[in-house]
All heavy atoms as atom14 arrays in JSON, in Angstrom:
{
  "sequence": "DGPRQIDVLLKSTVAGMPICTVVEARDYNKRLDITHV",
  "atom14_mask": [
    [1, 1, 1, 1, 1, 1, 1, 1, 0, 0, 0, 0, 0, 0],
    [1, 1, 1, 1, 0, 0, 0, 0, 0, 0, 0, 0, 0, 0],
    [1, 1, 1, 1, 1, 1, 1, 0, 0, 0, 0, 0, 0, 0],
    [1, 1, 1, 1, 1, 1, 1, 1, 1, 1, 1, 0, 0, 0],
    [1, 1, 1, 1, 1, 1, 1, 1, 1, 0, 0, 0, 0, 0],
    [1, 1, 1, 1, 1, 1, 1, 1, 0, 0, 0, 0, 0, 0],
    [1, 1, 1, 1, 1, 1, 1, 1, 0, 0, 0, 0, 0, 0],
    [1, 1, 1, 1, 1, 1, 1, 0, 0, 0, 0, 0, 0, 0],
    [1, 1, 1, 1, 1, 1, 1, 1, 0, 0, 0, 0, 0, 0],
    [1, 1, 1, 1, 1, 1, 1, 1, 0, 0, 0, 0, 0, 0],
    [1, 1, 1, 1, 1, 1, 1, 1, 1, 0, 0, 0, 0, 0],
    [1, 1, 1, 1, 1, 1, 0, 0, 0, 0, 0, 0, 0, 0],
    [1, 1, 1, 1, 1, 1, 1, 0, 0, 0, 0, 0, 0, 0],
    [1, 1, 1, 1, 1, 1, 1, 0, 0, 0, 0, 0, 0, 0],
    [1, 1, 1, 1, 1, 0, 0, 0, 0, 0, 0, 0, 0, 0],
    [1, 1, 1, 1, 0, 0, 0, 0, 0, 0, 0, 0, 0, 0],
    [1, 1, 1, 1, 1, 1, 1, 1, 0, 0, 0, 0, 0, 0],
    [1, 1, 1, 1, 1, 1, 1, 0, 0, 0, 0, 0, 0, 0],
    [1, 1, 1, 1, 1, 1, 1, 1, 0, 0, 0, 0, 0, 0],
    [1, 1, 1, 1, 1, 1, 0, 0, 0, 0, 0, 0, 0, 0],
    [1, 1, 1, 1, 1, 1, 1, 0, 0, 0, 0, 0, 0, 0],
    [1, 1, 1, 1, 1, 1, 1, 0, 0, 0, 0, 0, 0, 0],
    [1, 1, 1, 1, 1, 1, 1, 0, 0, 0, 0, 0, 0, 0],
    [1, 1, 1, 1, 1, 1, 1, 1, 1, 0, 0, 0, 0, 0],
    [1, 1, 1, 1, 1, 0, 0, 0, 0, 0, 0, 0, 0, 0],
    [1, 1, 1, 1, 1, 1, 1, 1, 1, 1, 1, 0, 0, 0],
    [1, 1, 1, 1, 1, 1, 1, 1, 0, 0, 0, 0, 0, 0],
    [1, 1, 1, 1, 1, 1, 1, 1, 1, 1, 1, 1, 0, 0],
    [1, 1, 1, 1, 1, 1, 1, 1, 0, 0, 0, 0, 0, 0],
    [1, 1, 1, 1, 1, 1, 1, 1, 1, 0, 0, 0, 0, 0],
    [1, 1, 1, 1, 1, 1, 1, 1, 1, 1, 1, 0, 0, 0],
    [1, 1, 1, 1, 1, 1, 1, 1, 0, 0, 0, 0, 0, 0],
    [1, 1, 1, 1, 1, 1, 1, 1, 0, 0, 0, 0, 0, 0],
    [1, 1, 1, 1, 1, 1, 1, 1, 0, 0, 0, 0, 0, 0],
    [1, 1, 1, 1, 1, 1, 1, 0, 0, 0, 0, 0, 0, 0],
    [1, 1, 1, 1, 1, 1, 1, 1, 1, 1, 0, 0, 0, 0],
    [1, 1, 1, 1, 1, 1, 1, 0, 0, 0, 0, 0, 0, 0]
  ],
  "atom14_positions": [
    [[133.92, -94.76, -13.25], [135.16, -94.92, -12.5], [135.16, -96.15, -11.6], [136.07, -96.33, -10.79], [135.43, -93.67, -11.64], [135.61, -92.42, -12.47], [136.09, -92.55, -13.62], [135.29, -91.33, -11.99], [0.0, 0.0, 0.0], [0.0, 0.0, 0.0], [0.0, 0.0, 0.0], [0.0, 0.0, 0.0], [0.0, 0.0, 0.0], [0.0, 0.0, 0.0]],
    [[134.13, -96.98, -11.68], [134.02, -98.17, -10.84], [132.82, -98.06, -9.93], [132.02, -97.12, -10.03], [0.0, 0.0, 0.0], [0.0, 0.0, 0.0], [0.0, 0.0, 0.0], [0.0, 0.0, 0.0], [0.0, 0.0, 0.0], [0.0, 0.0, 0.0], [0.0, 0.0, 0.0], [0.0, 0.0, 0.0], [0.0, 0.0, 0.0], [0.0, 0.0, 0.0]],
    [[132.65, -99.02, -9.02], [131.48, -99.0, -8.13], [131.52, -97.8, -7.19], [132.57, -97.43, -6.69], [131.58, -100.31, -7.35], [132.88, -100.91, -7.68], [133.51, -100.16, -8.79], [0.0, 0.0, 0.0], [0.0, 0.0, 0.0], [0.0, 0.0, 0.0], [0.0, 0.0, 0.0], [0.0, 0.0, 0.0], [0.0, 0.0, 0.0], [0.0, 0.0, 0.0]],
    [[130.35, -97.2, -6.96], [130.22, -96.04, -6.07], [129.17, -96.33, -5.02], [128.1, -96.85, -5.31], [129.81, -94.8, -6.86], [130.73, -94.42, -8.02], [132.1, -93.94, -7.57], [132.07, -92.72, -6.83], [132.42, -91.53, -7.31], [132.79, -91.41, -8.57], [132.38, -90.48, -6.55], [0.0, 0.0, 0.0], [0.0, 0.0, 0.0], [0.0, 0.0, 0.0]],
    [[129.47, -96.0, -3.78], [128.55, -96.2, -2.67], [127.66, -94.97, -2.55], [128.14, -93.84, -2.54], [129.31, -96.44, -1.36], [128.46, -96.85, -0.19], [127.87, -95.69, 0.6], [128.36, -94.57, 0.55], [126.8, -95.95, 1.31], [0.0, 0.0, 0.0], [0.0, 0.0, 0.0], [0.0, 0.0, 0.0], [0.0, 0.0, 0.0], [0.0, 0.0, 0.0]],
    [[126.35, -95.21, -2.48], [125.36, -94.15, -2.35], [124.69, -94.31, -1.0], [124.2, -95.39, -0.66], [124.29, -94.24, -3.48], [124.95, -94.32, -4.86], [123.31, -93.1, -3.37], [125.76, -93.13, -5.26], [0.0, 0.0, 0.0], [0.0, 0.0, 0.0], [0.0, 0.0, 0.0], [0.0, 0.0, 0.0], [0.0, 0.0, 0.0], [0.0, 0.0, 0.0]],
    [[124.65, -93.24, -0.2], [124.03, -93.31, 1.12], [122.54, -93.59, 1.01], [122.02, -94.52, 1.62], [124.26, -92.02, 1.91], [125.73, -91.8, 2.24], [126.5, -92.78, 2.26], [126.11, -90.64, 2.47], [0.0, 0.0, 0.0], [0.0, 0.0, 0.0], [0.0, 0.0, 0.0], [0.0, 0.0, 0.0], [0.0, 0.0, 0.0], [0.0, 0.0, 0.0]],
    [[121.83, -92.77, 0.26], [120.4, -92.94, 0.03], [120.14, -92.72, -1.45], [120.64, -91.77, -2.04], [119.56, -91.95, 0.88], [118.07, -92.12, 0.6], [119.84, -92.15, 2.37], [0.0, 0.0, 0.0], [0.0, 0.0, 0.0], [0.0, 0.0, 0.0], [0.0, 0.0, 0.0], [0.0, 0.0, 0.0], [0.0, 0.0, 0.0], [0.0, 0.0, 0.0]],
    [[119.35, -93.62, -2.04], [119.02, -93.53, -3.46], [117.51, -93.42, -3.61], [116.76, -94.24, -3.07], [119.52, -94.76, -4.2], [119.22, -94.82, -5.69], [119.98, -93.73, -6.43], [119.57, -96.19, -6.26], [0.0, 0.0, 0.0], [0.0, 0.0, 0.0], [0.0, 0.0, 0.0], [0.0, 0.0, 0.0], [0.0, 0.0, 0.0], [0.0, 0.0, 0.0]],
    [[117.07, -92.39, -4.31], [115.66, -92.21, -4.6], [115.44, -92.55, -6.07], [116.12, -91.99, -6.94], [115.22, -90.77, -4.37], [115.44, -90.17, -2.98], [115.1, -88.69, -2.99], [114.64, -90.89, -1.95], [0.0, 0.0, 0.0], [0.0, 0.0, 0.0], [0.0, 0.0, 0.0], [0.0, 0.0, 0.0], [0.0, 0.0, 0.0], [0.0, 0.0, 0.0]],
    [[114.53, -93.47, -6.31], [114.16, -93.8, -7.69], [112.69, -93.44, -7.84], [111.85, -93.88, -7.07], [114.34, -95.29, -7.96], [115.77, -95.75, -7.98], [115.81, -97.23, -8.28], [117.21, -97.78, -8.24], [117.22, -99.23, -8.46], [0.0, 0.0, 0.0], [0.0, 0.0, 0.0], [0.0, 0.0, 0.0], [0.0, 0.0, 0.0], [0.0, 0.0, 0.0]],
    [[112.4, -92.62, -8.83], [111.02, -92.2, -9.04], [110.72, -92.16, -10.53], [111.61, -92.26, -11.36], [110.76, -90.84, -8.39], [111.68, -89.89, -8.84], [0.0, 0.0, 0.0], [0.0, 0.0, 0.0], [0.0, 0.0, 0.0], [0.0, 0.0, 0.0], [0.0, 0.0, 0.0], [0.0, 0.0, 0.0], [0.0, 0.0, 0.0], [0.0, 0.0, 0.0]],
    [[109.44, -92.02, -10.81], [108.98, -91.89, -12.18], [108.14, -90.63, -12.28], [107.2, -90.45, -11.51], [108.15, -93.13, -12.6], [108.95, -94.29, -12.41], [107.73, -93.04, -14.05], [0.0, 0.0, 0.0], [0.0, 0.0, 0.0], [0.0, 0.0, 0.0], [0.0, 0.0, 0.0], [0.0, 0.0, 0.0], [0.0, 0.0, 0.0], [0.0, 0.0, 0.0]],
    [[108.52, -89.78, -13.22], [107.79, -88.54, -13.45], [107.4, -88.51, -14.93], [108.28, -88.6, -15.79], [108.63, -87.3, -13.08], [107.9, -86.02, -13.42], [109.03, -87.35, -11.62], [0.0, 0.0, 0.0], [0.0, 0.0, 0.0], [0.0, 0.0, 0.0], [0.0, 0.0, 0.0], [0.0, 0.0, 0.0], [0.0, 0.0, 0.0], [0.0, 0.0, 0.0]],
    [[106.11, -88.44, -15.2], [105.6, -88.41, -16.57], [106.13, -89.6, -17.37], [106.49, -89.47, -18.54], [105.94, -87.1, -17.26], [0.0, 0.0, 0.0], [0.0, 0.0, 0.0], [0.0, 0.0, 0.0], [0.0, 0.0, 0.0], [0.0, 0.0, 0.0], [0.0, 0.0, 0.0], [0.0, 0.0, 0.0], [0.0, 0.0, 0.0], [0.0, 0.0, 0.0]],
    [[106.23, -90.74, -16.69], [106.67, -91.96, -17.35], [108.18, -92.07, -17.54], [108.66, -93.04, -18.12], [0.0, 0.0, 0.0], [0.0, 0.0, 0.0], [0.0, 0.0, 0.0], [0.0, 0.0, 0.0], [0.0, 0.0, 0.0], [0.0, 0.0, 0.0], [0.0, 0.0, 0.0], [0.0, 0.0, 0.0], [0.0, 0.0, 0.0], [0.0, 0.0, 0.0]],
    [[108.93, -91.09, -17.05], [110.39, -91.12, -17.19], [111.04, -91.41, -15.85], [110.67, -90.82, -14.83], [110.89, -89.76, -17.71], [110.39, -89.44, -19.11], [110.96, -87.83, -19.68], [109.96, -86.75, -18.66], [0.0, 0.0, 0.0], [0.0, 0.0, 0.0], [0.0, 0.0, 0.0], [0.0, 0.0, 0.0], [0.0, 0.0, 0.0], [0.0, 0.0, 0.0]],
    [[112.04, -92.31, -15.84], [112.73, -92.61, -14.58], [113.64, -91.47, -14.16], [114.34, -90.88, -14.98], [113.54, -93.87, -14.91], [113.74, -93.83, -16.38], [112.54, -93.11, -16.95], [0.0, 0.0, 0.0], [0.0, 0.0, 0.0], [0.0, 0.0, 0.0], [0.0, 0.0, 0.0], [0.0, 0.0, 0.0], [0.0, 0.0, 0.0], [0.0, 0.0, 0.0]],
    [[113.6, -91.17, -12.86], [114.44, -90.13, -12.28], [115.23, -90.77, -11.14], [114.66, -91.43, -10.27], [113.61, -88.96, -11.71], [112.7, -88.36, -12.78], [114.51, -87.91, -11.07], [113.42, -87.65, -13.89], [0.0, 0.0, 0.0], [0.0, 0.0, 0.0], [0.0, 0.0, 0.0], [0.0, 0.0, 0.0], [0.0, 0.0, 0.0], [0.0, 0.0, 0.0]],
    [[116.54, -90.57, -11.15], [117.42, -91.13, -10.12], [118.06, -89.98, -9.35], [118.67, -89.09, -9.95], [118.49, -92.0, -10.8], [119.68, -92.7, -9.66], [0.0, 0.0, 0.0], [0.0, 0.0, 0.0], [0.0, 0.0, 0.0], [0.0, 0.0, 0.0], [0.0, 0.0, 0.0], [0.0, 0.0, 0.0], [0.0, 0.0, 0.0], [0.0, 0.0, 0.0]],
    [[117.91, -89.99, -8.03], [118.48, -88.96, -7.18], [119.4, -89.6, -6.16], [118.98, -90.49, -5.42], [117.37, -88.16, -6.45], [116.47, -87.63, -7.41], [117.96, -87.04, -5.62], [0.0, 0.0, 0.0], [0.0, 0.0, 0.0], [0.0, 0.0, 0.0], [0.0, 0.0, 0.0], [0.0, 0.0, 0.0], [0.0, 0.0, 0.0], [0.0, 0.0, 0.0]],
    [[120.65, -89.18, -6.11], [121.58, -89.66, -5.09], [121.6, -88.68, -3.93], [121.58, -87.47, -4.13], [123.0, -89.88, -5.65], [123.01, -91.0, -6.67], [123.57, -88.63, -6.25], [0.0, 0.0, 0.0], [0.0, 0.0, 0.0], [0.0, 0.0, 0.0], [0.0, 0.0, 0.0], [0.0, 0.0, 0.0], [0.0, 0.0, 0.0], [0.0, 0.0, 0.0]],
    [[121.6, -89.21, -2.72], [121.62, -88.39, -1.51], [122.84, -88.79, -0.7], [123.04, -89.98, -0.42], [120.34, -88.59, -0.67], [120.39, -87.74, 0.58], [119.1, -88.29, -1.49], [0.0, 0.0, 0.0], [0.0, 0.0, 0.0], [0.0, 0.0, 0.0], [0.0, 0.0, 0.0], [0.0, 0.0, 0.0], [0.0, 0.0, 0.0], [0.0, 0.0, 0.0]],
    [[123.66, -87.81, -0.35], [124.82, -88.05, 0.5], [124.57, -87.41, 1.85], [124.18, -86.24, 1.93], [126.08, -87.44, -0.13], [126.58, -88.19, -1.34], [127.12, -89.57, -0.99], [127.99, -89.69, -0.11], [126.65, -90.54, -1.62], [0.0, 0.0, 0.0], [0.0, 0.0, 0.0], [0.0, 0.0, 0.0], [0.0, 0.0, 0.0], [0.0, 0.0, 0.0]],
    [[124.76, -88.18, 2.91], [124.58, -87.69, 4.28], [125.94, -87.54, 4.92], [126.72, -88.49, 4.97], [123.72, -88.67, 5.06], [0.0, 0.0, 0.0], [0.0, 0.0, 0.0], [0.0, 0.0, 0.0], [0.0, 0.0, 0.0], [0.0, 0.0, 0.0], [0.0, 0.0, 0.0], [0.0, 0.0, 0.0], [0.0, 0.0, 0.0], [0.0, 0.0, 0.0]],
    [[126.26, -86.35, 5.4], [127.55, -86.08, 6.01], [127.34, -85.64, 7.46], [126.82, -84.57, 7.72], [128.3, -84.99, 5.25], [128.68, -85.42, 3.86], [129.83, -86.41, 3.94], [130.08, -86.99, 2.65], [129.91, -88.29, 2.38], [129.48, -89.1, 3.3], [130.17, -88.75, 1.19], [0.0, 0.0, 0.0], [0.0, 0.0, 0.0], [0.0, 0.0, 0.0]],
    [[127.75, -86.49, 8.39], [127.61, -86.2, 9.82], [128.95, -85.72, 10.37], [129.64, -86.43, 11.09], [127.14, -87.46, 10.55], [126.79, -87.19, 12.0], [126.64, -86.02, 12.38], [126.66, -88.16, 12.76], [0.0, 0.0, 0.0], [0.0, 0.0, 0.0], [0.0, 0.0, 0.0], [0.0, 0.0, 0.0], [0.0, 0.0, 0.0], [0.0, 0.0, 0.0]],
    [[129.33, -84.51, 9.99], [130.59, -83.93, 10.44], [130.31, -82.85, 11.48], [129.25, -82.23, 11.47], [131.34, -83.29, 9.27], [131.78, -84.25, 8.19], [132.11, -83.78, 6.93], [131.87, -85.61, 8.41], [132.53, -84.64, 5.93], [132.28, -86.48, 7.42], [132.6, -85.99, 6.18], [133.01, -86.84, 5.19], [0.0, 0.0, 0.0], [0.0, 0.0, 0.0]],
    [[131.27, -82.64, 12.36], [131.1, -81.59, 13.36], [131.72, -80.27, 12.91], [132.12, -79.45, 13.72], [131.67, -82.03, 14.7], [133.16, -82.31, 14.63], [133.76, -82.21, 13.56], [133.76, -82.66, 15.75], [0.0, 0.0, 0.0], [0.0, 0.0, 0.0], [0.0, 0.0, 0.0], [0.0, 0.0, 0.0], [0.0, 0.0, 0.0], [0.0, 0.0, 0.0]],
    [[131.83, -80.12, 11.6], [132.35, -78.87, 11.04], [131.59, -78.58, 9.74], [130.86, -79.43, 9.24], [133.85, -78.97, 10.74], [134.18, -80.07, 9.75], [135.66, -80.17, 9.5], [135.91, -81.27, 8.48], [137.26, -81.38, 8.07], [0.0, 0.0, 0.0], [0.0, 0.0, 0.0], [0.0, 0.0, 0.0], [0.0, 0.0, 0.0], [0.0, 0.0, 0.0]],
    [[131.78, -77.38, 9.24], [131.11, -77.01, 7.99], [131.69, -77.78, 6.82], [132.89, -78.06, 6.77], [131.29, -75.52, 7.73], [130.48, -74.66, 8.65], [130.75, -73.2, 8.32], [129.75, -72.42, 9.02], [129.0, -71.51, 8.44], [129.16, -71.22, 7.18], [128.12, -70.86, 9.13], [0.0, 0.0, 0.0], [0.0, 0.0, 0.0], [0.0, 0.0, 0.0]],
    [[130.82, -78.11, 5.88], [131.3, -78.73, 4.65], [131.86, -77.63, 3.75], [131.46, -76.47, 3.84], [130.16, -79.44, 3.94], [129.47, -80.57, 4.71], [128.42, -81.23, 3.84], [130.46, -81.59, 5.22], [0.0, 0.0, 0.0], [0.0, 0.0, 0.0], [0.0, 0.0, 0.0], [0.0, 0.0, 0.0], [0.0, 0.0, 0.0], [0.0, 0.0, 0.0]],
    [[132.77, -78.03, 2.89], [133.32, -77.05, 1.97], [133.06, -77.48, 0.53], [132.41, -78.48, 0.28], [134.81, -76.79, 2.23], [135.65, -78.05, 2.1], [135.33, -78.91, 1.24], [136.65, -78.18, 2.83], [0.0, 0.0, 0.0], [0.0, 0.0, 0.0], [0.0, 0.0, 0.0], [0.0, 0.0, 0.0], [0.0, 0.0, 0.0], [0.0, 0.0, 0.0]],
    [[133.6, -76.73, -0.39], [133.32, -76.95, -1.81], [133.8, -78.32, -2.28], [133.24, -78.88, -3.23], [133.92, -75.81, -2.67], [133.38, -75.84, -4.09], [135.43, -75.85, -2.66], [131.92, -75.55, -4.2], [0.0, 0.0, 0.0], [0.0, 0.0, 0.0], [0.0, 0.0, 0.0], [0.0, 0.0, 0.0], [0.0, 0.0, 0.0], [0.0, 0.0, 0.0]],
    [[134.8, -78.89, -1.62], [135.27, -80.22, -2.05], [134.2, -81.28, -1.86], [134.13, -82.23, -2.64], [136.55, -80.63, -1.3], [136.28, -80.69, 0.1], [137.69, -79.67, -1.58], [0.0, 0.0, 0.0], [0.0, 0.0, 0.0], [0.0, 0.0, 0.0], [0.0, 0.0, 0.0], [0.0, 0.0, 0.0], [0.0, 0.0, 0.0], [0.0, 0.0, 0.0]],
    [[133.35, -81.12, -0.85], [132.25, -82.07, -0.63], [131.21, -81.95, -1.75], [130.7, -82.94, -2.24], [131.6, -81.83, 0.73], [132.52, -82.09, 1.87], [133.22, -81.1, 2.48], [132.88, -83.24, 2.5], [133.96, -81.6, 3.44], [133.77, -82.91, 3.47], [0.0, 0.0, 0.0], [0.0, 0.0, 0.0], [0.0, 0.0, 0.0], [0.0, 0.0, 0.0]],
    [[130.93, -80.72, -2.14], [129.97, -80.48, -3.22], [130.54, -81.01, -4.54], [129.85, -81.69, -5.3], [129.62, -78.98, -3.33], [128.69, -78.73, -4.5], [128.99, -78.49, -2.03], [0.0, 0.0, 0.0], [0.0, 0.0, 0.0], [0.0, 0.0, 0.0], [0.0, 0.0, 0.0], [0.0, 0.0, 0.0], [0.0, 0.0, 0.0], [0.0, 0.0, 0.0]]
  ]
}
């Protein structure tokens, strides 16, 4: 869908295979809901 901003990106290798994990940090003063997930 175009460029996406990632807060924190973890790149790792497990058993010789690349693994990419995106991490989103939400500093809200309320509970997150299903739309965030």
